N, C-alpha and C. Protein backbone atom coordinates (compact mmCIF):
# COMPACT_ATOMS: atom_id res chain seq x y z
N MET A 1 0.81 -1.22 0.00
CA MET A 1 0.00 0.00 0.00
C MET A 1 0.85 1.27 0.00
N PRO A 2 1.93 1.36 0.79
CA PRO A 2 2.73 2.58 0.78
C PRO A 2 3.28 2.92 -0.60
N ALA A 3 3.60 1.91 -1.44
CA ALA A 3 4.11 2.18 -2.78
C ALA A 3 3.05 2.87 -3.63
N VAL A 4 1.79 2.48 -3.45
CA VAL A 4 0.69 3.10 -4.18
C VAL A 4 0.53 4.56 -3.76
N ILE A 5 0.60 4.80 -2.46
CA ILE A 5 0.47 6.17 -1.95
C ILE A 5 1.61 7.03 -2.46
N THR A 6 2.84 6.50 -2.41
CA THR A 6 4.00 7.24 -2.91
C THR A 6 3.84 7.55 -4.38
N GLY A 7 3.35 6.59 -5.15
CA GLY A 7 3.12 6.81 -6.57
C GLY A 7 2.09 7.89 -6.82
N MET A 8 1.03 7.91 -6.02
CA MET A 8 0.00 8.94 -6.17
C MET A 8 0.57 10.31 -5.83
N HIS A 9 1.37 10.39 -4.77
CA HIS A 9 1.99 11.67 -4.40
C HIS A 9 2.87 12.19 -5.53
N ALA A 10 3.63 11.30 -6.13
CA ALA A 10 4.49 11.69 -7.25
C ALA A 10 3.66 12.16 -8.43
N TRP A 11 2.56 11.45 -8.71
CA TRP A 11 1.69 11.84 -9.82
C TRP A 11 1.12 13.24 -9.59
N TRP A 12 0.62 13.50 -8.37
CA TRP A 12 0.06 14.82 -8.05
C TRP A 12 1.13 15.91 -8.12
N ALA A 13 2.32 15.61 -7.68
CA ALA A 13 3.41 16.59 -7.74
C ALA A 13 3.72 16.95 -9.18
N ARG A 14 3.77 15.95 -10.08
CA ARG A 14 4.00 16.23 -11.50
C ARG A 14 2.84 17.02 -12.09
N ARG A 15 1.62 16.66 -11.73
CA ARG A 15 0.44 17.34 -12.25
C ARG A 15 0.42 18.79 -11.81
N ARG A 16 0.72 19.04 -10.55
CA ARG A 16 0.74 20.40 -10.02
C ARG A 16 1.81 21.23 -10.74
N ALA A 17 2.97 20.65 -10.98
CA ALA A 17 4.05 21.36 -11.67
C ALA A 17 3.65 21.68 -13.10
N ALA A 18 2.89 20.80 -13.75
CA ALA A 18 2.46 21.04 -15.12
C ALA A 18 1.44 22.17 -15.21
N CYS A 19 0.71 22.43 -14.14
CA CYS A 19 -0.34 23.44 -14.14
C CYS A 19 0.15 24.81 -13.69
N THR A 20 1.40 24.92 -13.33
CA THR A 20 1.93 26.19 -12.85
C THR A 20 2.07 27.15 -14.01
N ARG A 21 1.60 28.39 -13.80
CA ARG A 21 1.70 29.39 -14.84
C ARG A 21 3.11 29.93 -14.95
N GLY A 22 3.52 30.20 -16.15
CA GLY A 22 4.83 30.81 -16.39
C GLY A 22 4.71 32.32 -16.36
N PRO A 23 5.75 33.01 -16.76
CA PRO A 23 5.70 34.47 -16.77
C PRO A 23 4.66 34.97 -17.77
N GLN A 24 4.02 36.07 -17.44
CA GLN A 24 2.98 36.64 -18.31
C GLN A 24 3.62 37.31 -19.53
N ARG A 25 3.07 37.05 -20.68
CA ARG A 25 3.56 37.69 -21.91
C ARG A 25 2.86 39.02 -22.14
N ARG A 26 1.62 39.11 -21.71
CA ARG A 26 0.84 40.34 -21.87
C ARG A 26 0.64 40.97 -20.51
N PRO A 27 0.27 42.24 -20.49
CA PRO A 27 -0.02 42.85 -19.19
C PRO A 27 -1.13 42.09 -18.46
N THR A 28 -1.05 42.09 -17.15
CA THR A 28 -2.05 41.41 -16.34
C THR A 28 -3.38 42.14 -16.45
N LYS A 29 -4.45 41.38 -16.54
CA LYS A 29 -5.79 41.96 -16.61
C LYS A 29 -6.25 42.36 -15.22
N THR A 30 -7.19 43.28 -15.17
CA THR A 30 -7.73 43.76 -13.90
C THR A 30 -8.95 42.93 -13.53
N PRO A 31 -8.94 42.29 -12.35
CA PRO A 31 -10.12 41.52 -11.95
C PRO A 31 -11.27 42.45 -11.55
N VAL A 32 -12.46 42.15 -12.04
CA VAL A 32 -13.65 42.93 -11.71
C VAL A 32 -14.82 41.98 -11.46
N THR A 33 -15.83 42.47 -10.79
CA THR A 33 -17.07 41.73 -10.62
C THR A 33 -18.12 42.40 -11.48
N VAL A 34 -18.77 41.64 -12.33
CA VAL A 34 -19.76 42.17 -13.27
C VAL A 34 -21.03 41.34 -13.15
N ARG A 35 -22.17 42.00 -13.30
CA ARG A 35 -23.45 41.29 -13.30
C ARG A 35 -24.07 41.40 -14.68
N TYR A 36 -24.43 40.27 -15.26
CA TYR A 36 -25.05 40.21 -16.58
C TYR A 36 -26.47 39.71 -16.45
N ASP A 37 -27.31 40.05 -17.42
CA ASP A 37 -28.66 39.50 -17.48
C ASP A 37 -28.55 37.99 -17.73
N PRO A 38 -29.51 37.23 -17.21
CA PRO A 38 -29.46 35.77 -17.41
C PRO A 38 -29.42 35.36 -18.87
N GLU A 39 -30.07 36.13 -19.74
CA GLU A 39 -30.08 35.80 -21.17
C GLU A 39 -28.68 35.91 -21.77
N VAL A 40 -27.93 36.91 -21.33
CA VAL A 40 -26.57 37.11 -21.84
C VAL A 40 -25.69 35.95 -21.40
N VAL A 41 -25.78 35.59 -20.13
CA VAL A 41 -24.98 34.49 -19.60
C VAL A 41 -25.36 33.19 -20.30
N ALA A 42 -26.64 32.94 -20.48
CA ALA A 42 -27.09 31.72 -21.16
C ALA A 42 -26.57 31.66 -22.59
N TYR A 43 -26.58 32.80 -23.27
CA TYR A 43 -26.08 32.82 -24.66
C TYR A 43 -24.61 32.44 -24.71
N PHE A 44 -23.78 33.12 -23.92
CA PHE A 44 -22.35 32.85 -23.97
C PHE A 44 -22.01 31.46 -23.43
N ASN A 45 -22.69 31.00 -22.40
CA ASN A 45 -22.46 29.64 -21.89
C ASN A 45 -22.86 28.61 -22.93
N GLY A 46 -23.87 28.90 -23.73
CA GLY A 46 -24.32 27.98 -24.76
C GLY A 46 -23.39 27.89 -25.95
N THR A 47 -22.43 28.80 -26.04
CA THR A 47 -21.50 28.77 -27.17
C THR A 47 -20.28 27.91 -26.90
N GLY A 48 -20.21 27.28 -25.73
CA GLY A 48 -19.12 26.36 -25.42
C GLY A 48 -18.19 26.89 -24.36
N ALA A 49 -17.07 26.20 -24.24
CA ALA A 49 -16.07 26.58 -23.23
C ALA A 49 -15.46 27.94 -23.55
N CYS A 50 -14.84 28.52 -22.57
CA CYS A 50 -14.15 29.82 -22.71
C CYS A 50 -15.12 30.96 -22.99
N CYS A 51 -16.29 30.94 -22.36
CA CYS A 51 -17.28 31.99 -22.62
C CYS A 51 -16.78 33.36 -22.15
N GLN A 52 -15.97 33.41 -21.11
CA GLN A 52 -15.45 34.70 -20.65
C GLN A 52 -14.49 35.30 -21.67
N THR A 53 -13.75 34.46 -22.36
CA THR A 53 -12.86 34.94 -23.41
C THR A 53 -13.67 35.53 -24.55
N ARG A 54 -14.77 34.87 -24.92
CA ARG A 54 -15.62 35.41 -25.99
C ARG A 54 -16.27 36.72 -25.57
N MET A 55 -16.68 36.83 -24.30
CA MET A 55 -17.23 38.10 -23.81
C MET A 55 -16.17 39.20 -23.93
N GLN A 56 -14.95 38.89 -23.56
CA GLN A 56 -13.85 39.84 -23.67
C GLN A 56 -13.65 40.26 -25.13
N ASP A 57 -13.68 39.30 -26.05
CA ASP A 57 -13.49 39.59 -27.47
C ASP A 57 -14.57 40.53 -27.99
N VAL A 58 -15.82 40.27 -27.60
CA VAL A 58 -16.94 41.10 -28.04
C VAL A 58 -16.77 42.53 -27.52
N LEU A 59 -16.41 42.67 -26.25
CA LEU A 59 -16.22 44.00 -25.68
C LEU A 59 -15.04 44.72 -26.33
N CYS A 60 -13.97 44.00 -26.63
CA CYS A 60 -12.81 44.62 -27.27
C CYS A 60 -13.14 45.11 -28.68
N GLU A 61 -14.04 44.43 -29.38
CA GLU A 61 -14.49 44.91 -30.69
C GLU A 61 -15.39 46.12 -30.56
N TRP A 62 -16.22 46.15 -29.52
CA TRP A 62 -17.21 47.20 -29.36
C TRP A 62 -16.60 48.54 -28.90
N VAL A 63 -15.61 48.49 -28.04
CA VAL A 63 -15.04 49.70 -27.45
C VAL A 63 -14.50 50.67 -28.50
N PRO A 64 -13.68 50.25 -29.47
CA PRO A 64 -13.18 51.22 -30.45
C PRO A 64 -14.30 51.85 -31.29
N ARG A 65 -15.33 51.09 -31.57
CA ARG A 65 -16.46 51.63 -32.35
C ARG A 65 -17.23 52.67 -31.56
N ARG A 66 -17.27 52.50 -30.27
CA ARG A 66 -18.02 53.39 -29.40
C ARG A 66 -17.36 54.75 -29.28
N GLY A 67 -16.04 54.80 -29.35
CA GLY A 67 -15.33 56.07 -29.20
C GLY A 67 -14.99 56.33 -27.74
N SER A 68 -14.63 57.57 -27.43
CA SER A 68 -14.23 57.92 -26.07
C SER A 68 -15.40 57.86 -25.12
N ALA A 69 -15.05 57.59 -23.87
CA ALA A 69 -16.08 57.49 -22.83
C ALA A 69 -16.55 58.85 -22.39
């Protein structure tokens, strides 16, 4: 049994090391809390994984068209 436990510990250690983030290539984003209508959330969640990235992409396209605040 101890060999199995040791093997699991080694596996988790390798897994944790693989998930560690490296240095950022782009500037760090600012964390914010935002509230969306349920329909908006349902739409983006229905488009698959990475819905927050798609929300970011949509906003990044919209901002230049909008002009100055």
